[in-house]
N, C-alpha and C. Protein backbone atom coordinates (compact mmCIF):
# COMPACT_ATOMS: atom_id res chain seq x y z
N MET A 1 -78.86 211.97 -132.52
CA MET A 1 -79.13 213.36 -132.81
C MET A 1 -78.22 213.87 -133.93
N GLY A 2 -76.99 213.39 -133.96
CA GLY A 2 -76.09 213.83 -135.01
C GLY A 2 -76.56 213.43 -136.39
N THR A 3 -77.23 212.29 -136.52
CA THR A 3 -77.70 211.85 -137.83
C THR A 3 -78.84 212.72 -138.34
N LEU A 4 -79.57 213.37 -137.44
CA LEU A 4 -80.66 214.26 -137.85
C LEU A 4 -80.15 215.68 -138.11
N GLY A 5 -78.94 215.96 -137.70
CA GLY A 5 -78.37 217.27 -137.95
C GLY A 5 -78.76 218.34 -136.96
N CYS A 6 -79.44 217.97 -135.88
CA CYS A 6 -79.85 218.99 -134.92
C CYS A 6 -78.76 219.29 -133.90
N VAL A 7 -77.87 218.35 -133.64
CA VAL A 7 -76.67 218.57 -132.83
C VAL A 7 -75.55 217.71 -133.42
N PRO A 8 -74.31 218.10 -133.23
CA PRO A 8 -73.21 217.26 -133.69
C PRO A 8 -73.17 215.93 -132.93
N ALA A 9 -72.46 214.98 -133.46
CA ALA A 9 -72.38 213.65 -132.86
C ALA A 9 -71.48 213.61 -131.62
N TYR A 10 -70.61 214.58 -131.45
CA TYR A 10 -69.66 214.59 -130.33
C TYR A 10 -68.86 213.29 -130.26
N ASP A 11 -68.42 212.84 -131.43
CA ASP A 11 -67.57 211.67 -131.47
C ASP A 11 -66.11 212.10 -131.37
N ARG A 12 -65.22 211.13 -131.44
CA ARG A 12 -63.79 211.39 -131.21
C ARG A 12 -63.22 212.49 -132.11
N PHE A 13 -63.44 212.40 -133.40
CA PHE A 13 -62.83 213.36 -134.32
C PHE A 13 -63.48 214.74 -134.22
N PHE A 14 -64.78 214.79 -133.99
CA PHE A 14 -65.44 216.09 -133.79
C PHE A 14 -64.85 216.78 -132.57
N ILE A 15 -64.70 216.04 -131.48
CA ILE A 15 -64.14 216.62 -130.26
C ILE A 15 -62.70 217.07 -130.50
N ASP A 16 -61.92 216.29 -131.23
CA ASP A 16 -60.55 216.71 -131.55
C ASP A 16 -60.56 218.01 -132.36
N GLY A 17 -61.52 218.15 -133.28
CA GLY A 17 -61.60 219.36 -134.10
C GLY A 17 -61.98 220.59 -133.31
N ILE A 18 -62.97 220.47 -132.42
CA ILE A 18 -63.36 221.65 -131.63
C ILE A 18 -62.29 221.98 -130.60
N LYS A 19 -61.57 220.97 -130.13
CA LYS A 19 -60.49 221.21 -129.18
C LYS A 19 -59.36 221.98 -129.87
N LYS A 20 -59.04 221.60 -131.09
CA LYS A 20 -57.95 222.25 -131.83
C LYS A 20 -58.24 223.73 -132.03
N HIS A 21 -59.49 224.07 -132.30
CA HIS A 21 -59.85 225.47 -132.57
C HIS A 21 -60.47 226.18 -131.37
N LYS A 22 -60.54 225.47 -130.24
CA LYS A 22 -61.06 226.05 -128.99
C LYS A 22 -62.42 226.72 -129.19
N VAL A 23 -63.32 226.00 -129.86
CA VAL A 23 -64.64 226.53 -130.19
C VAL A 23 -65.61 226.42 -129.02
N THR A 24 -65.60 225.28 -128.34
CA THR A 24 -66.56 225.03 -127.27
C THR A 24 -66.03 223.96 -126.34
N THR A 25 -66.85 223.60 -125.36
CA THR A 25 -66.47 222.53 -124.45
C THR A 25 -66.49 221.21 -125.19
N GLN A 26 -65.89 220.22 -124.61
CA GLN A 26 -65.76 218.94 -125.30
C GLN A 26 -66.83 217.93 -124.92
N GLU A 27 -67.77 218.33 -124.08
CA GLU A 27 -68.84 217.42 -123.71
C GLU A 27 -70.16 217.92 -124.27
N TYR A 28 -71.07 217.00 -124.51
CA TYR A 28 -72.38 217.36 -125.00
C TYR A 28 -73.17 218.01 -123.87
N SER A 29 -73.47 219.28 -124.03
CA SER A 29 -74.23 220.02 -123.02
C SER A 29 -74.90 221.20 -123.70
N LEU A 30 -75.84 221.80 -123.02
CA LEU A 30 -76.51 222.99 -123.55
C LEU A 30 -75.49 224.10 -123.79
N LYS A 31 -74.57 224.28 -122.86
CA LYS A 31 -73.53 225.31 -122.99
C LYS A 31 -72.72 225.10 -124.26
N SER A 32 -72.34 223.86 -124.52
CA SER A 32 -71.54 223.55 -125.70
C SER A 32 -72.31 223.81 -126.98
N VAL A 33 -73.56 223.38 -127.04
CA VAL A 33 -74.37 223.58 -128.25
C VAL A 33 -74.62 225.07 -128.49
N LEU A 34 -74.84 225.83 -127.43
CA LEU A 34 -75.03 227.28 -127.59
C LEU A 34 -73.77 227.95 -128.09
N ARG A 35 -72.61 227.49 -127.65
CA ARG A 35 -71.35 228.05 -128.17
C ARG A 35 -71.17 227.71 -129.64
N LEU A 36 -71.58 226.51 -130.04
CA LEU A 36 -71.52 226.16 -131.47
C LEU A 36 -72.44 227.06 -132.28
N ALA A 37 -73.63 227.33 -131.76
CA ALA A 37 -74.56 228.22 -132.46
C ALA A 37 -73.96 229.62 -132.58
N LYS A 38 -73.31 230.09 -131.53
CA LYS A 38 -72.65 231.40 -131.57
C LYS A 38 -71.53 231.40 -132.61
N PHE A 39 -70.75 230.32 -132.65
CA PHE A 39 -69.68 230.20 -133.65
C PHE A 39 -70.27 230.27 -135.05
N TYR A 40 -71.38 229.56 -135.26
CA TYR A 40 -72.02 229.58 -136.58
C TYR A 40 -72.46 230.99 -136.94
N GLU A 41 -73.06 231.69 -136.00
CA GLU A 41 -73.51 233.06 -136.26
C GLU A 41 -72.35 233.98 -136.59
N GLU A 42 -71.23 233.82 -135.88
CA GLU A 42 -70.04 234.66 -136.12
C GLU A 42 -69.43 234.41 -137.49
N HIS A 43 -69.61 233.23 -138.03
CA HIS A 43 -69.03 232.85 -139.33
C HIS A 43 -70.12 232.54 -140.35
N ASN A 44 -71.26 233.15 -140.17
CA ASN A 44 -72.46 232.84 -140.96
C ASN A 44 -72.24 232.96 -142.47
N ASP A 45 -71.60 234.03 -142.91
CA ASP A 45 -71.43 234.23 -144.35
C ASP A 45 -70.69 233.08 -145.00
N ARG A 46 -69.54 232.71 -144.45
CA ARG A 46 -68.74 231.63 -145.03
C ARG A 46 -69.44 230.27 -144.90
N LEU A 47 -70.03 230.03 -143.75
CA LEU A 47 -70.67 228.73 -143.53
C LEU A 47 -71.92 228.56 -144.39
N GLU A 48 -72.71 229.61 -144.52
CA GLU A 48 -73.92 229.51 -145.36
C GLU A 48 -73.56 229.32 -146.82
N LYS A 49 -72.49 229.95 -147.26
CA LYS A 49 -72.03 229.76 -148.64
C LYS A 49 -71.66 228.29 -148.87
N ALA A 50 -70.95 227.71 -147.92
CA ALA A 50 -70.58 226.30 -148.03
C ALA A 50 -71.81 225.40 -147.95
N ARG A 51 -72.72 225.73 -147.06
CA ARG A 51 -73.92 224.90 -146.86
C ARG A 51 -74.81 224.90 -148.09
N ARG A 52 -74.93 226.04 -148.76
CA ARG A 52 -75.75 226.10 -149.98
C ARG A 52 -75.20 225.18 -151.06
N GLY A 53 -73.90 224.96 -151.05
CA GLY A 53 -73.28 224.07 -152.03
C GLY A 53 -73.40 222.61 -151.68
N MET A 54 -73.93 222.30 -150.53
CA MET A 54 -74.05 220.91 -150.07
C MET A 54 -75.51 220.51 -150.06
N ARG A 55 -76.00 220.10 -151.18
CA ARG A 55 -77.41 219.72 -151.30
C ARG A 55 -77.51 218.25 -151.69
N THR A 56 -78.56 217.63 -151.21
CA THR A 56 -78.93 216.29 -151.63
C THR A 56 -80.31 216.42 -152.25
N GLU A 57 -80.34 216.34 -153.55
CA GLU A 57 -81.56 216.61 -154.31
C GLU A 57 -82.07 218.00 -153.94
N ASP A 58 -83.21 218.12 -153.30
CA ASP A 58 -83.72 219.45 -152.96
C ASP A 58 -83.59 219.78 -151.48
N LEU A 59 -82.78 219.00 -150.75
CA LEU A 59 -82.58 219.24 -149.33
C LEU A 59 -81.20 219.83 -149.07
N THR A 60 -81.15 220.83 -148.20
CA THR A 60 -79.89 221.44 -147.78
C THR A 60 -79.51 220.86 -146.43
N TYR A 61 -78.22 220.60 -146.22
CA TYR A 61 -77.76 220.07 -144.95
C TYR A 61 -78.09 221.04 -143.81
N PRO A 62 -78.49 220.53 -142.65
CA PRO A 62 -78.73 221.41 -141.49
C PRO A 62 -77.43 222.08 -141.02
N GLN A 63 -77.55 223.22 -140.39
CA GLN A 63 -76.38 223.98 -139.95
C GLN A 63 -75.48 223.18 -139.02
N MET A 64 -76.06 222.52 -138.04
CA MET A 64 -75.24 221.75 -137.10
C MET A 64 -74.58 220.56 -137.78
N ASN A 65 -75.21 220.03 -138.80
CA ASN A 65 -74.61 218.94 -139.56
C ASN A 65 -73.36 219.42 -140.27
N LEU A 66 -73.41 220.64 -140.79
CA LEU A 66 -72.24 221.22 -141.44
C LEU A 66 -71.09 221.37 -140.45
N LEU A 67 -71.39 221.87 -139.24
CA LEU A 67 -70.35 221.99 -138.22
C LEU A 67 -69.81 220.62 -137.83
N ASP A 68 -70.69 219.65 -137.71
CA ASP A 68 -70.28 218.29 -137.35
C ASP A 68 -69.29 217.75 -138.38
N MET A 69 -69.65 217.86 -139.64
CA MET A 69 -68.78 217.34 -140.70
C MET A 69 -67.46 218.10 -140.77
N GLY A 70 -67.53 219.42 -140.62
CA GLY A 70 -66.32 220.24 -140.72
C GLY A 70 -65.33 219.97 -139.60
N PHE A 71 -65.82 220.01 -138.36
CA PHE A 71 -64.92 219.76 -137.24
C PHE A 71 -64.48 218.30 -137.18
N TRP A 72 -65.32 217.37 -137.64
CA TRP A 72 -64.90 215.98 -137.74
C TRP A 72 -63.70 215.86 -138.66
N GLN A 73 -63.78 216.54 -139.81
CA GLN A 73 -62.67 216.47 -140.78
C GLN A 73 -61.40 217.05 -140.20
N VAL A 74 -61.53 218.18 -139.50
CA VAL A 74 -60.35 218.79 -138.85
C VAL A 74 -59.74 217.81 -137.85
N GLY A 75 -60.57 217.18 -137.04
CA GLY A 75 -60.08 216.22 -136.06
C GLY A 75 -59.47 214.99 -136.72
N PHE A 76 -60.08 214.51 -137.78
CA PHE A 76 -59.57 213.34 -138.51
C PHE A 76 -58.21 213.64 -139.11
N GLU A 77 -58.06 214.79 -139.73
CA GLU A 77 -56.79 215.14 -140.37
C GLU A 77 -55.69 215.39 -139.35
N GLY A 78 -56.07 215.77 -138.13
CA GLY A 78 -55.09 216.04 -137.10
C GLY A 78 -54.64 214.81 -136.34
N SER A 79 -55.27 213.66 -136.60
CA SER A 79 -54.90 212.46 -135.84
C SER A 79 -53.85 211.64 -136.54
């Protein structure tokens, strides 16, 4: 699911990133995904600006893919 961008991968570094910022639960669940969606809505302006800059030819990265990559990077840098 993470490769399609519809939900994050919930791998080690993503979980470390969401844990650091206390965004959502650390397990893949409906509750967790809904909290991620709420986080995205609360930070929509900044995240959409970043997402518009991340294009592959004429395709824009999905919103959850952006969160996956961002929190993965936070978790990776914190390890």
